[in-house]
Amino acid sequence: MKEEQGFDVFITALAVFVAVAINFMLVYTTEDVNEWIILGVMIVNSIMALTFLFSKLVTEIDNQGIRVRFFPWLLKEKYFDWKDIEHAYVREYKPLREYGGWGVRYGRAKSGKAYNTKGKLGIQLHFKDGKKLLIGTQKPNDMDLFLNNLYIKNIVKNQDGVSE
């Protein structure tokens, strides 16, 4: 199963608007600043806005494990084998409270890491070494069905620690 998602349209539009507004202000309100500094700031602002526009989180899940690509935030694909995962389940989470927002996020010690773009539902992974990872999803029902199939096959345990 494969899922592709980008950042929320509102967040993307806001990032582009802020970048354009800052660039506009730099051009029309700064008189004593070196032109190269203004150009550099404008380029950085534009690149940041474009990264939100073109970001894509791709999650692939199969009987062997989970693959995650998050362009341009993760430079290489991450692969997590089911044999390294103790529990996997879909859950609701609070992006701001638990992880400080969206993107590649490092939450509190008990929350672990998150890869997310929008929404408040994700696949929670608990690794055998104690680490945690949450991968945001816009297809919670499909992911839950797939994980239930893995529980039945005794490949991974659910949130209660049960292989059904």
C-alpha atoms as a PDB file:
ATOM      1  CA  MET A   1       0.000   0.000   0.000  1.00  0.00           C
ATOM      2  CA  LYS A   2       1.302   3.454  -0.898  1.00  0.00           C
ATOM      3  CA  GLU A   3       0.289   6.920   0.267  1.00  0.00           C
ATOM      4  CA  GLU A   4       1.542  10.306  -0.939  1.00  0.00           C
ATOM      5  CA  GLN A   5       0.757  13.576   0.797  1.00  0.00           C
ATOM      6  CA  GLY A   6       1.915  17.172   0.931  1.00  0.00           C
ATOM      7  CA  PHE A   7       1.545  20.008   3.389  1.00  0.00           C
ATOM      8  CA  ASP A   8      -1.868  21.537   3.964  1.00  0.00           C
ATOM      9  CA  VAL A   9      -2.869  24.076   1.305  1.00  0.00           C
ATOM     10  CA  PHE A  10      -3.367  26.782   3.936  1.00  0.00           C
ATOM     11  CA  ILE A  11       0.115  26.273   5.419  1.00  0.00           C
ATOM     12  CA  THR A  12       1.686  26.243   1.962  1.00  0.00           C
ATOM     13  CA  ALA A  13      -0.173  29.400   0.900  1.00  0.00           C
ATOM     14  CA  LEU A  14       0.795  31.076   4.171  1.00  0.00           C
ATOM     15  CA  ALA A  15       4.487  30.222   3.653  1.00  0.00           C
ATOM     16  CA  VAL A  16       4.422  31.619   0.110  1.00  0.00           C
ATOM     17  CA  PHE A  17       2.550  34.758   1.243  1.00  0.00           C
ATOM     18  CA  VAL A  18       5.001  35.418   4.080  1.00  0.00           C
ATOM     19  CA  ALA A  19       7.984  34.938   1.761  1.00  0.00           C
ATOM     20  CA  VAL A  20       6.537  37.300  -0.845  1.00  0.00           C
ATOM     21  CA  ALA A  21       5.612  39.884   1.823  1.00  0.00           C
ATOM     22  CA  ILE A  22       9.102  39.809   3.347  1.00  0.00           C
ATOM     23  CA  ASN A  23      10.708  40.070  -0.080  1.00  0.00           C
ATOM     24  CA  PHE A  24       8.430  43.003  -0.961  1.00  0.00           C
ATOM     25  CA  MET A  25       9.282  44.764   2.308  1.00  0.00           C
ATOM     26  CA  LEU A  26      13.001  44.211   1.740  1.00  0.00           C
ATOM     27  CA  VAL A  27      12.864  45.810  -1.692  1.00  0.00           C
ATOM     28  CA  TYR A  28      10.739  48.807  -0.761  1.00  0.00           C
ATOM     29  CA  THR A  29      11.658  49.637   2.845  1.00  0.00           C
ATOM     30  CA  THR A  30      15.393  49.062   3.165  1.00  0.00           C
ATOM     31  CA  GLU A  31      17.636  51.830   1.934  1.00  0.00           C
ATOM     32  CA  ASP A  32      20.928  51.474   3.791  1.00  0.00           C
ATOM     33  CA  VAL A  33      21.335  47.698   3.404  1.00  0.00           C
ATOM     34  CA  ASN A  34      23.715  46.144   0.902  1.00  0.00           C
ATOM     35  CA  GLU A  35      21.866  44.912  -2.214  1.00  0.00           C
ATOM     36  CA  TRP A  36      23.585  41.518  -2.013  1.00  0.00           C
ATOM     37  CA  ILE A  37      22.276  40.941   1.501  1.00  0.00           C
ATOM     38  CA  ILE A  38      18.749  41.801   0.337  1.00  0.00           C
ATOM     39  CA  LEU A  39      19.105  39.443  -2.626  1.00  0.00           C
ATOM     40  CA  GLY A  40      20.429  36.666  -0.363  1.00  0.00           C
ATOM     41  CA  VAL A  41      17.524  36.997   2.075  1.00  0.00           C
ATOM     42  CA  MET A  42      15.051  37.040  -0.827  1.00  0.00           C
ATOM     43  CA  ILE A  43      16.550  33.840  -2.256  1.00  0.00           C
ATOM     44  CA  VAL A  44      16.447  32.077   1.132  1.00  0.00           C
ATOM     45  CA  ASN A  45      12.804  33.155   1.673  1.00  0.00           C
ATOM     46  CA  SER A  46      11.836  31.931  -1.781  1.00  0.00           C
ATOM     47  CA  ILE A  47      13.574  28.575  -1.310  1.00  0.00           C
ATOM     48  CA  MET A  48      11.830  28.051   2.036  1.00  0.00           C
ATOM     49  CA  ALA A  49       8.425  28.777   0.483  1.00  0.00           C
ATOM     50  CA  LEU A  50       9.166  26.437  -2.434  1.00  0.00           C
ATOM     51  CA  THR A  51      10.139  23.612  -0.089  1.00  0.00           C
ATOM     52  CA  PHE A  52       6.660  23.762   1.461  1.00  0.00           C
ATOM     53  CA  LEU A  53       5.118  23.889  -1.993  1.00  0.00           C
ATOM     54  CA  PHE A  54       7.004  20.846  -3.313  1.00  0.00           C
ATOM     55  CA  SER A  55       7.318  18.748  -0.144  1.00  0.00           C
ATOM     56  CA  LYS A  56       5.989  15.229  -0.440  1.00  0.00           C
ATOM     57  CA  LEU A  57       5.690  12.502   2.203  1.00  0.00           C
ATOM     58  CA  VAL A  58       5.512   9.048   0.627  1.00  0.00           C
ATOM     59  CA  THR A  59       4.750   6.036   2.816  1.00  0.00           C
ATOM     60  CA  GLU A  60       4.879   2.489   1.459  1.00  0.00           C
ATOM     61  CA  ILE A  61       3.789  -0.361   3.682  1.00  0.00           C
ATOM     62  CA  ASP A  62       3.977  -4.088   2.888  1.00  0.00           C
ATOM     63  CA  ASN A  63       4.493  -7.441   4.619  1.00  0.00           C
ATOM     64  CA  GLN A  64       8.239  -6.773   5.035  1.00  0.00           C
ATOM     65  CA  GLY A  65       8.145  -3.268   6.513  1.00  0.00           C
ATOM     66  CA  ILE A  66       7.567   0.444   5.976  1.00  0.00           C
ATOM     67  CA  ARG A  67       9.435   2.767   3.616  1.00  0.00           C
ATOM     68  CA  VAL A  68       9.277   6.525   4.096  1.00  0.00           C
ATOM     69  CA  ARG A  69      10.475   9.272   1.782  1.00  0.00           C
ATOM     70  CA  PHE A  70       9.978  12.925   2.700  1.00  0.00           C
ATOM     71  CA  PHE A  71      11.310  15.183  -0.050  1.00  0.00           C
ATOM     72  CA  PRO A  72      13.250  17.451   0.514  1.00  0.00           C
ATOM     73  CA  TRP A  73      13.488  16.971   4.302  1.00  0.00           C
ATOM     74  CA  LEU A  74      14.898  13.425   4.366  1.00  0.00           C
ATOM     75  CA  LEU A  75      17.780  13.049   1.956  1.00  0.00           C
ATOM     76  CA  LYS A  76      17.437   9.291   1.688  1.00  0.00           C
ATOM     77  CA  GLU A  77      14.618   6.815   2.087  1.00  0.00           C
ATOM     78  CA  LYS A  78      14.061   5.355   5.543  1.00  0.00           C
ATOM     79  CA  TYR A  79      13.195   1.671   5.812  1.00  0.00           C
ATOM     80  CA  PHE A  80      11.790   0.024   8.932  1.00  0.00           C
ATOM     81  CA  ASP A  81      11.567  -3.766   8.995  1.00  0.00           C
ATOM     82  CA  TRP A  82       8.663  -5.336  10.906  1.00  0.00           C
ATOM     83  CA  LYS A  83      11.113  -7.567  12.785  1.00  0.00           C
ATOM     84  CA  ASP A  84      12.464  -4.406  14.473  1.00  0.00           C
ATOM     85  CA  ILE A  85       8.996  -3.123  15.423  1.00  0.00           C
ATOM     86  CA  GLU A  86       7.211  -4.238  18.593  1.00  0.00           C
ATOM     87  CA  HIS A  87       3.868  -2.451  18.076  1.00  0.00           C
ATOM     88  CA  ALA A  88       2.209  -0.658  15.135  1.00  0.00           C
ATOM     89  CA  TYR A  89      -1.204   0.988  15.121  1.00  0.00           C
ATOM     90  CA  VAL A  90      -3.108   4.001  13.824  1.00  0.00           C
ATOM     91  CA  ARG A  91      -3.815   6.700  16.392  1.00  0.00           C
ATOM     92  CA  GLU A  92      -4.962  10.272  16.785  1.00  0.00           C
ATOM     93  CA  TYR A  93      -2.278  12.699  17.971  1.00  0.00           C
ATOM     94  CA  LYS A  94      -1.844  16.402  18.682  1.00  0.00           C
ATOM     95  CA  PRO A  95       0.767  17.696  16.209  1.00  0.00           C
ATOM     96  CA  LEU A  96       1.506  20.963  18.000  1.00  0.00           C
ATOM     97  CA  ARG A  97       1.407  19.659  21.560  1.00  0.00           C
ATOM     98  CA  GLU A  98       3.223  16.359  21.013  1.00  0.00           C
ATOM     99  CA  TYR A  99       5.691  17.271  18.252  1.00  0.00           C
ATOM    100  CA  GLY A 100       5.704  21.057  17.905  1.00  0.00           C
ATOM    101  CA  GLY A 101       4.119  21.064  14.442  1.00  0.00           C
ATOM    102  CA  TRP A 102       4.507  19.345  11.098  1.00  0.00           C
ATOM    103  CA  GLY A 103       7.491  18.171   9.052  1.00  0.00           C
ATOM    104  CA  VAL A 104      10.343  16.068  10.407  1.00  0.00           C
ATOM    105  CA  ARG A 105       9.707  16.633  14.080  1.00  0.00           C
ATOM    106  CA  TYR A 106      11.392  15.567  17.291  1.00  0.00           C
ATOM    107  CA  GLY A 107       8.844  15.467  20.086  1.00  0.00           C
ATOM    108  CA  ARG A 108       9.268  15.042  23.783  1.00  0.00           C
ATOM    109  CA  ALA A 109      11.194  11.991  24.945  1.00  0.00           C
ATOM    110  CA  LYS A 110       8.010   9.971  25.375  1.00  0.00           C
ATOM    111  CA  SER A 111       6.621  11.009  21.973  1.00  0.00           C
ATOM    112  CA  GLY A 112       9.631  10.179  19.825  1.00  0.00           C
ATOM    113  CA  LYS A 113       9.995  11.377  16.256  1.00  0.00           C
ATOM    114  CA  ALA A 114       7.314  12.235  13.683  1.00  0.00           C
ATOM    115  CA  TYR A 115       7.119  12.600   9.909  1.00  0.00           C
ATOM    116  CA  ASN A 116       3.897  14.438   9.109  1.00  0.00           C
ATOM    117  CA  THR A 117       2.426  17.021   6.760  1.00  0.00           C
ATOM    118  CA  LYS A 118      -1.115  17.671   7.967  1.00  0.00           C
ATOM    119  CA  GLY A 119      -3.953  16.273   9.973  1.00  0.00           C
ATOM    120  CA  LYS A 120      -3.928  14.532  13.317  1.00  0.00           C
ATOM    121  CA  LEU A 121      -3.876  10.823  12.463  1.00  0.00           C
ATOM    122  CA  GLY A 122      -0.804   8.665  12.050  1.00  0.00           C
ATOM    123  CA  ILE A 123       0.778   5.243  12.182  1.00  0.00           C
ATOM    124  CA  GLN A 124       2.488   4.885  15.556  1.00  0.00           C
ATOM    125  CA  LEU A 125       5.521   2.601  15.594  1.00  0.00           C
ATOM    126  CA  HIS A 126       7.144   1.353  18.807  1.00  0.00           C
ATOM    127  CA  PHE A 127      10.515  -0.205  18.087  1.00  0.00           C
ATOM    128  CA  LYS A 128      12.012  -3.048  20.070  1.00  0.00           C
ATOM    129  CA  ASP A 129      14.894  -0.760  21.104  1.00  0.00           C
ATOM    130  CA  GLY A 130      12.405   1.611  22.804  1.00  0.00           C
ATOM    131  CA  LYS A 131      12.337   4.328  20.122  1.00  0.00           C
ATOM    132  CA  LYS A 132       9.081   5.664  18.699  1.00  0.00           C
ATOM    133  CA  LEU A 133       8.091   7.059  15.311  1.00  0.00           C
ATOM    134  CA  LEU A 134       4.797   8.476  14.149  1.00  0.00           C
ATOM    135  CA  ILE A 135       4.115   8.692  10.401  1.00  0.00           C
ATOM    136  CA  GLY A 136       1.187  10.928   9.492  1.00  0.00           C
ATOM    137  CA  THR A 137      -1.526   9.471   7.293  1.00  0.00           C
ATOM    138  CA  GLN A 138      -4.545  10.745   5.396  1.00  0.00           C
ATOM    139  CA  LYS A 139      -5.730   7.161   4.868  1.00  0.00           C
ATOM    140  CA  PRO A 140      -6.218   5.919   8.445  1.00  0.00           C
ATOM    141  CA  ASN A 141      -8.870   3.319   7.564  1.00  0.00           C
ATOM    142  CA  ASP A 142      -6.749   1.739   4.816  1.00  0.00           C
ATOM    143  CA  MET A 143      -3.662   1.717   7.043  1.00  0.00           C
ATOM    144  CA  ASP A 144      -5.630   0.250   9.942  1.00  0.00           C
ATOM    145  CA  LEU A 145      -6.974  -2.547   7.716  1.00  0.00           C
ATOM    146  CA  PHE A 146      -3.456  -3.315   6.483  1.00  0.00           C
ATOM    147  CA  LEU A 147      -2.074  -3.378  10.025  1.00  0.00           C
ATOM    148  CA  ASN A 148      -4.934  -5.628  11.163  1.00  0.00           C
ATOM    149  CA  ASN A 149      -3.914  -8.041   8.413  1.00  0.00           C
ATOM    150  CA  LEU A 150      -0.353  -7.982   9.797  1.00  0.00           C
ATOM    151  CA  TYR A 151      -1.691  -8.686  13.303  1.00  0.00           C
ATOM    152  CA  ILE A 152      -3.574 -11.720  12.005  1.00  0.00           C
ATOM    153  CA  LYS A 153      -0.402 -12.992  10.294  1.00  0.00           C
ATOM    154  CA  ASN A 154       1.471 -12.477  13.595  1.00  0.00           C
ATOM    155  CA  ILE A 155       3.957 -10.142  11.866  1.00  0.00           C
ATOM    156  CA  VAL A 156       3.480  -7.246  14.273  1.00  0.00           C
ATOM    157  CA  LYS A 157       1.515  -6.531  17.472  1.00  0.00           C
ATOM    158  CA  ASN A 158      -1.223  -3.950  17.929  1.00  0.00           C
ATOM    159  CA  GLN A 159      -1.275  -1.190  20.555  1.00  0.00           C
ATOM    160  CA  ASP A 160      -2.343  -3.637  23.257  1.00  0.00           C
ATOM    161  CA  GLY A 161       0.647  -5.862  22.510  1.00  0.00           C
ATOM    162  CA  VAL A 162      -1.567  -8.529  20.988  1.00  0.00           C
ATOM    163  CA  SER A 163      -1.028 -10.442  17.756  1.00  0.00           C
ATOM    164  CA  GLU A 164      -4.569 -11.315  16.819  1.00  0.00           C
END
